Each structure stands twice: as C-alpha cells, then as structure tokens.
Amino acid sequence: MRLFQFFYGEATRSLIEPEFIPLKSGNSGHWDSLESASIHRVLKEKKFTKNEYIGFFCPLFTLKTGLTGRQVRRVLTQAQDDVVSFSSSFEQIASYPNSFIQGESMHPGLMKVAQDFLTEINVDLDLSNLVQDQTRIIFRNYFVAKYEFWLRWMDITERIQKISENQDTDLGRRLNSCTPHQGVIDYPMKDFLFERAVSVLLEMQNINAAVGIDIEKSPMSSPGADEFFGAFLSLDALKSQYLKTRESKYLDIYETRRQRLFASIAMRSKGAGPGFVAVPYMLLDEREASRSQSD
C-alpha cells in the first residue's frame, strides 16, 4: 500500500504522519482542484499494481478523523474491499439522504450542476431520489482504494475538468462559478463535484466502501453535534435498512426523525434551525492550512 499526505509548505509538512508519504501540492489556485491535479500526476507517473491500496489525505487528516497513520495502516492490512472509507463528519453523512443533497445545502446549485454533468457523460443516476448511507458518502477524499478504482476515479474527474475548461458552454461556466464555502465565495463549484466523484463511482459500480473509522470516536464537524450522536446513528441505520429492503416506510421514518431532530436542534440553539447541523464540514483551520502554501 502507498498512502500519501499533502503539504503546502513547512507549516503543513510538520503535520504529516510518519506512516504517510509526503506529497507536495501546487502553489496556486484552490486547494481542492490542486489536490485533484496532484492525485492525477501521481497515478500517471508512478507504477502501481492493480490491487494495491492507495490513498491521498490532506494535512489535517488526523485532526479531522482522530486517526493516526499507524491506525489507518492497521485497518488496511485486514481489508479486502475495493474501497475503504475513513470519512468523518458522521452528522453530515446521516443528516442528508445523499452527499449531493448535503452539498446543495451549502453550495446552492450543486445538485443541478452535478445532475447535468452526469447526463452529459451518460450516467443514469437520479440524484434527487438517491439514498446513500455511510458506505457511499465520503468527504474530503478520505478513502483508500485499489489502483483499478483510482483509474476509474481519474476518468470521472478528468471529464469534470475537461468540461469546465470549455467556458463557451453553460455547464462549463457553472462548474467554474463561485460558491460559498467557509464564509467566503471564491471556491469553484467543480471542487465539490470532484469531492463527490467517489460517491458517483460507488453508485455506478454498485459497491459499498468498507468503513475503516470508528464513527463513535471520530470528531464531528458541527458544533454541539456530539450530543445528538444517537439520533444520527438512527438516521443512518434507517437509510441502510431502506437500501437493503427498498421498503419506503424506512424513508418515511427517516424523514420524520430527521425533521424532528432539526426541530430539537433549533430549540436548543435558539432558532438556529437545521443550519446548526448543516454547517460547513471543513472548518476554518483547513482553509488556513491551505493558505500556508506560500510559506
């Protein structure tokens, strides 16, 4: 296995886990686009075997997941699945039917852009009715996968990039349109489609990622979310049961409990409403880390 961890300068290099391979990212543009480009470069330039586990993590991986490099490697030595998820922010995973609806709550317009992109590349996936549990929602590219899966990921993300480079098309312009993130509006929409490429692939191949993270111990990204862990666990379980049985009653219960949870949160947070849960899942310190590219 080869597990890479990005750094942008000396400040972020100091965060790299000893078990991970340091990988210098670019020094201009947006970190998410840059990391996608860096992943492509590694996959194209280095030699891998088809079943080799490969992963790419941001500098704040340990802070966001509570996992050390040693713990990640220990999980992978026992794994056999094509994809192993180390995605944290369980409250974001559980609180929305799928990763695109979750993204729409923070980046208005993402659903339409993503659906139009899938139509453009002839992928039959109805995002408005898609249900995903923790085995298919992965944030921040916090996953490890076999080389063959990464090749398919590379094909999807190259198509996103190619379309975005054509500013003469409506879809190309929307992929490059700026969307709010972490209090500013200077991130291109395509960054958040790049992030969800893994979810698209899992649906296309109809496979589940193994969960390599202890969701009870991993940090949540929304302030105060730990208090509602049991409710989040119930919500994700309901999604899983629907996916196993396809019985609509589980979705009905899911939506009822989801709205009840939001109402409870709103009362406790004095009217904050669902936004108390639906806060950006990458905290400000991650943006600060990306700014250290220039150091």
Protein backbone atom coordinates (compact mmCIF):
# COMPACT_ATOMS: atom_id res chain seq x y z
CA MET A 1 0.00 0.00 0.00
CA ARG A 2 1.05 3.60 -0.55
CA LEU A 3 -0.61 6.36 1.45
CA PHE A 4 0.21 9.96 0.53
CA GLN A 5 -0.37 13.11 2.57
CA PHE A 6 -0.36 16.56 1.04
CA PHE A 7 1.59 19.50 2.32
CA TYR A 8 1.79 23.07 1.02
CA GLY A 9 4.80 24.40 2.90
CA GLU A 10 6.77 23.90 6.08
CA ALA A 11 3.80 24.55 8.38
CA THR A 12 1.71 21.77 6.85
CA ARG A 13 4.66 19.43 6.27
CA SER A 14 5.05 19.22 10.04
CA LEU A 15 1.55 17.67 10.22
CA ILE A 16 2.40 14.66 8.06
CA GLU A 17 2.03 11.29 9.73
CA PRO A 18 5.24 9.20 9.76
CA GLU A 19 3.45 6.33 8.02
CA PHE A 20 2.33 8.54 5.12
CA ILE A 21 4.37 9.62 2.11
CA PRO A 22 4.79 13.43 1.92
CA LEU A 23 3.33 14.86 -1.28
CA LYS A 24 3.88 18.48 -2.24
CA SER A 25 0.77 20.09 -3.67
CA GLY A 26 0.76 23.07 -6.05
CA ASN A 27 1.19 26.69 -5.03
CA SER A 28 -1.62 28.50 -6.78
CA GLY A 29 -5.38 28.23 -7.18
CA HIS A 30 -7.81 26.34 -4.95
CA TRP A 31 -6.60 23.51 -2.76
CA ASP A 32 -9.28 21.06 -3.82
CA SER A 33 -8.57 21.47 -7.53
CA LEU A 34 -4.87 21.34 -6.79
CA GLU A 35 -5.14 18.12 -4.86
CA SER A 36 -7.12 16.52 -7.67
CA ALA A 37 -4.41 17.55 -10.11
CA SER A 38 -1.71 16.20 -7.79
CA ILE A 39 -3.54 12.88 -7.47
CA HIS A 40 -3.71 12.60 -11.24
CA ARG A 41 0.01 13.29 -11.52
CA VAL A 42 0.92 10.56 -9.02
CA LEU A 43 -1.39 8.00 -10.57
CA LYS A 44 0.03 8.66 -14.03
CA GLU A 45 3.71 8.90 -13.12
CA LYS A 46 4.16 6.09 -10.59
CA LYS A 47 3.83 2.35 -11.07
CA PHE A 48 1.16 0.55 -9.07
CA THR A 49 -0.17 -2.98 -9.04
CA LYS A 50 -3.88 -3.31 -9.79
CA ASN A 51 -4.83 -4.40 -6.25
CA GLU A 52 -2.51 -2.06 -4.40
CA TYR A 53 -4.18 0.19 -1.83
CA ILE A 54 -3.60 3.90 -2.49
CA GLY A 55 -4.77 6.91 -0.52
CA PHE A 56 -4.36 10.67 -0.58
CA PHE A 57 -5.01 12.72 2.54
CA CYS A 58 -4.95 16.43 3.37
CA PRO A 59 -2.64 17.82 6.10
CA LEU A 60 -5.42 17.87 8.69
CA PHE A 61 -6.43 14.24 8.28
CA THR A 62 -5.55 13.25 11.84
CA LEU A 63 -7.26 16.31 13.30
CA LYS A 64 -10.42 15.65 11.28
CA THR A 65 -10.63 11.89 11.84
CA GLY A 66 -8.79 11.25 15.09
CA LEU A 67 -6.80 8.55 13.25
CA THR A 68 -3.04 8.19 13.10
CA GLY A 69 -1.22 6.81 10.10
CA ARG A 70 -0.43 3.68 12.08
CA GLN A 71 -4.12 3.09 12.79
CA VAL A 72 -5.01 3.53 9.12
CA ARG A 73 -2.39 1.01 8.04
CA ARG A 74 -3.59 -1.45 10.67
CA VAL A 75 -7.13 -1.28 9.26
CA LEU A 76 -5.89 -1.75 5.71
CA THR A 77 -3.78 -4.81 6.49
CA GLN A 78 -7.03 -6.62 7.32
CA ALA A 79 -9.11 -5.13 4.48
CA GLN A 80 -10.15 -6.83 1.25
CA ASP A 81 -12.71 -4.36 -0.13
CA ASP A 82 -12.00 -2.24 -3.20
CA VAL A 83 -12.64 0.95 -1.21
CA VAL A 84 -12.19 1.71 2.50
CA SER A 85 -13.72 4.90 3.87
CA PHE A 86 -12.12 6.99 6.60
CA SER A 87 -14.65 9.79 6.25
CA SER A 88 -15.55 11.62 9.44
CA SER A 89 -18.31 14.25 9.90
CA PHE A 90 -20.82 11.49 10.58
CA GLU A 91 -23.56 14.02 11.34
CA GLN A 92 -23.29 15.28 7.75
CA ILE A 93 -23.45 11.73 6.40
CA ALA A 94 -26.51 10.82 8.47
CA SER A 95 -28.49 14.07 8.19
CA TYR A 96 -28.98 14.03 4.42
CA PRO A 97 -30.31 11.40 2.01
CA ASN A 98 -27.14 11.60 -0.10
CA SER A 99 -23.91 13.55 -0.50
CA PHE A 100 -25.32 15.78 -3.24
CA ILE A 101 -28.31 16.94 -1.22
CA GLN A 102 -25.86 17.60 1.61
CA GLY A 103 -23.72 19.61 -0.79
CA GLU A 104 -26.70 21.56 -2.11
CA SER A 105 -27.45 22.78 1.43
CA MET A 106 -24.07 24.51 1.48
CA HIS A 107 -23.40 25.18 -2.20
CA PRO A 108 -26.71 26.14 -3.86
CA GLY A 109 -26.78 24.93 -7.45
CA LEU A 110 -24.54 21.91 -6.91
CA MET A 111 -27.36 19.41 -7.45
CA LYS A 112 -28.24 20.82 -10.86
CA VAL A 113 -24.61 21.07 -11.93
CA ALA A 114 -23.92 17.50 -10.81
CA GLN A 115 -27.06 16.12 -12.48
CA ASP A 116 -26.29 17.93 -15.73
CA PHE A 117 -22.73 16.61 -15.65
CA LEU A 118 -23.94 13.04 -15.18
CA THR A 119 -26.37 13.48 -18.08
CA GLU A 120 -23.53 14.85 -20.20
CA ILE A 121 -21.41 11.74 -19.63
CA ASN A 122 -24.39 9.36 -19.97
CA VAL A 123 -24.54 8.20 -16.36
CA ASP A 124 -28.11 7.28 -15.37
CA LEU A 125 -28.24 8.40 -11.74
CA ASP A 126 -31.17 10.38 -10.33
CA LEU A 127 -29.62 12.47 -7.58
CA SER A 128 -32.92 13.80 -6.26
CA ASN A 129 -34.05 10.26 -5.32
CA LEU A 130 -30.68 8.78 -4.44
CA VAL A 131 -30.26 7.34 -0.94
CA GLN A 132 -26.77 6.77 0.46
CA ASP A 133 -25.54 5.67 3.87
CA GLN A 134 -22.04 5.85 5.32
CA THR A 135 -20.81 3.16 2.91
CA ARG A 136 -21.27 5.53 -0.06
CA ILE A 137 -20.87 9.05 1.32
CA ILE A 138 -17.24 10.08 1.58
CA PHE A 139 -15.98 13.59 2.23
CA ARG A 140 -12.59 15.21 1.54
CA ASN A 141 -11.35 12.16 -0.40
CA TYR A 142 -10.82 10.41 2.93
CA PHE A 143 -10.72 6.95 1.41
CA VAL A 144 -8.22 4.34 0.33
CA ALA A 145 -8.88 2.30 -2.78
CA LYS A 146 -7.27 -0.23 -5.03
CA TYR A 147 -5.45 1.12 -8.08
CA GLU A 148 -8.14 -0.03 -10.52
CA PHE A 149 -10.75 2.02 -8.67
CA TRP A 150 -8.49 5.09 -8.77
CA LEU A 151 -8.18 4.72 -12.55
CA ARG A 152 -11.95 4.96 -12.85
CA TRP A 153 -11.96 7.91 -10.43
CA MET A 154 -9.38 9.59 -12.65
CA ASP A 155 -11.59 9.13 -15.72
CA ILE A 156 -14.58 10.78 -13.99
CA THR A 157 -12.57 13.73 -12.64
CA GLU A 158 -10.82 14.28 -15.96
CA ARG A 159 -14.24 14.63 -17.58
CA ILE A 160 -15.24 17.22 -14.98
CA GLN A 161 -12.07 19.17 -15.66
CA LYS A 162 -12.39 18.94 -19.44
CA ILE A 163 -15.95 20.27 -19.42
CA SER A 164 -15.00 23.05 -17.00
CA GLU A 165 -12.28 24.23 -19.37
CA ASN A 166 -14.85 25.00 -22.06
CA GLN A 167 -16.22 28.38 -20.99
CA ASP A 168 -18.37 28.52 -24.12
CA THR A 169 -20.85 26.05 -22.62
CA ASP A 170 -23.36 26.72 -19.89
CA LEU A 171 -22.20 23.69 -17.89
CA GLY A 172 -18.57 24.74 -18.20
CA ARG A 173 -19.38 28.18 -16.84
CA ARG A 174 -21.44 26.78 -13.96
CA LEU A 175 -18.67 24.37 -12.98
CA ASN A 176 -16.39 27.37 -12.61
CA SER A 177 -18.93 29.61 -10.91
CA CYS A 178 -18.03 30.62 -7.37
CA THR A 179 -19.92 29.17 -4.43
CA PRO A 180 -19.95 29.96 -0.70
CA HIS A 181 -17.62 27.93 1.46
CA GLN A 182 -16.25 28.67 4.91
CA GLY A 183 -17.61 32.20 4.90
CA VAL A 184 -16.23 33.28 1.53
CA ILE A 185 -17.42 32.99 -2.07
CA ASP A 186 -14.31 32.12 -4.03
CA TYR A 187 -14.44 28.35 -4.50
CA PRO A 188 -15.40 26.97 -7.93
CA MET A 189 -18.38 24.64 -7.95
CA LYS A 190 -16.33 21.91 -9.63
CA ASP A 191 -14.29 21.47 -6.43
CA PHE A 192 -17.32 20.00 -4.70
CA LEU A 193 -18.12 17.77 -7.65
CA PHE A 194 -14.53 16.49 -7.58
CA GLU A 195 -15.08 15.63 -3.94
CA ARG A 196 -18.19 13.59 -4.74
CA ALA A 197 -16.69 11.68 -7.65
CA VAL A 198 -16.05 8.74 -5.32
CA SER A 199 -19.76 8.61 -4.44
CA VAL A 200 -20.66 8.60 -8.14
CA LEU A 201 -18.30 5.70 -8.78
CA LEU A 202 -19.61 3.67 -5.87
CA GLU A 203 -23.12 4.07 -7.30
CA MET A 204 -22.03 3.29 -10.86
CA GLN A 205 -20.30 0.10 -9.74
CA ASN A 206 -22.91 -0.71 -7.09
CA ILE A 207 -20.32 -1.38 -4.42
CA ASN A 208 -20.08 -0.28 -0.81
CA ALA A 209 -16.99 1.09 0.83
CA ALA A 210 -15.85 -0.66 3.98
CA VAL A 211 -15.95 1.73 6.94
CA GLY A 212 -12.47 1.96 8.44
CA ILE A 213 -13.22 4.64 11.02
CA ASP A 214 -14.86 4.34 14.43
CA ILE A 215 -17.72 6.78 13.94
CA GLU A 216 -18.40 6.96 17.68
CA LYS A 217 -14.86 8.16 18.38
CA SER A 218 -14.26 10.28 15.28
CA PRO A 219 -14.76 14.05 15.53
CA MET A 220 -17.89 15.68 14.19
CA SER A 221 -17.56 18.95 12.35
CA SER A 222 -20.72 20.67 13.54
CA PRO A 223 -20.51 22.40 16.94
CA GLY A 224 -22.54 20.52 19.53
CA ALA A 225 -23.30 17.59 17.22
CA ASP A 226 -21.83 15.03 19.63
CA GLU A 227 -24.87 15.49 21.85
CA PHE A 228 -27.08 14.03 19.12
CA PHE A 229 -24.88 11.08 18.14
CA GLY A 230 -27.59 8.52 18.93
CA ALA A 231 -30.04 10.32 16.66
CA PHE A 232 -27.51 10.44 13.82
CA LEU A 233 -26.80 6.74 14.27
CA SER A 234 -30.53 6.00 14.00
CA LEU A 235 -30.85 8.10 10.85
CA ASP A 236 -28.02 6.32 9.05
CA ALA A 237 -29.38 2.94 10.14
CA LEU A 238 -32.76 3.81 8.61
CA LYS A 239 -31.09 4.66 5.31
CA SER A 240 -29.19 1.38 5.41
CA GLN A 241 -32.36 -0.58 6.09
CA TYR A 242 -34.12 1.10 3.16
CA LEU A 243 -31.23 0.20 0.88
CA LYS A 244 -31.46 -3.44 1.98
CA THR A 245 -35.23 -3.78 1.68
CA ARG A 246 -36.33 -0.94 -0.63
CA GLU A 247 -39.36 -0.53 1.60
CA SER A 248 -40.46 3.11 1.55
CA LYS A 249 -41.58 3.05 5.20
CA TYR A 250 -37.95 3.34 6.26
CA LEU A 251 -37.53 6.54 4.24
CA ASP A 252 -40.74 7.92 5.71
CA ILE A 253 -39.46 7.27 9.23
CA TYR A 254 -36.08 8.70 8.26
CA GLU A 255 -37.57 11.98 7.07
CA THR A 256 -39.86 12.27 10.09
CA ARG A 257 -36.99 11.73 12.52
CA ARG A 258 -34.68 14.00 10.54
CA GLN A 259 -37.12 16.88 10.75
CA ARG A 260 -37.76 16.16 14.41
CA LEU A 261 -34.01 16.29 15.05
CA PHE A 262 -33.67 19.60 13.23
CA ALA A 263 -36.56 21.00 15.28
CA SER A 264 -34.93 19.82 18.50
CA ILE A 265 -31.64 21.38 17.49
CA ALA A 266 -33.41 24.62 16.60
CA MET A 267 -34.96 24.81 20.06
CA ARG A 268 -31.68 24.18 21.84
CA SER A 269 -29.74 26.60 19.68
CA LYS A 270 -32.34 29.38 19.93
CA GLY A 271 -33.68 29.26 16.40
CA ALA A 272 -30.55 28.18 14.54
CA GLY A 273 -32.60 25.50 12.79
CA PRO A 274 -31.10 22.87 10.54
CA GLY A 275 -28.12 25.14 9.94
CA PHE A 276 -26.86 24.01 13.33
CA VAL A 277 -26.29 20.65 11.69
CA ALA A 278 -25.75 21.85 8.15
CA VAL A 279 -22.62 23.84 8.81
CA PRO A 280 -19.53 23.58 6.59
CA TYR A 281 -17.85 20.29 7.42
CA MET A 282 -14.35 21.62 6.76
CA LEU A 283 -13.54 24.10 9.48
CA LEU A 284 -11.73 27.38 9.07
CA ASP A 285 -8.42 25.92 10.16
CA GLU A 286 -8.31 23.84 6.98
CA ARG A 287 -8.52 26.97 4.87
CA GLU A 288 -5.76 28.48 6.98
CA ALA A 289 -3.66 25.40 6.29
CA SER A 290 -4.16 25.83 2.56
CA ARG A 291 -3.03 29.43 2.77
CA SER A 292 0.33 28.26 4.06
CA GLN A 293 1.17 27.14 0.51
CA SER A 294 3.16 30.32 0.21
CA ASP A 295 5.40 29.69 3.26
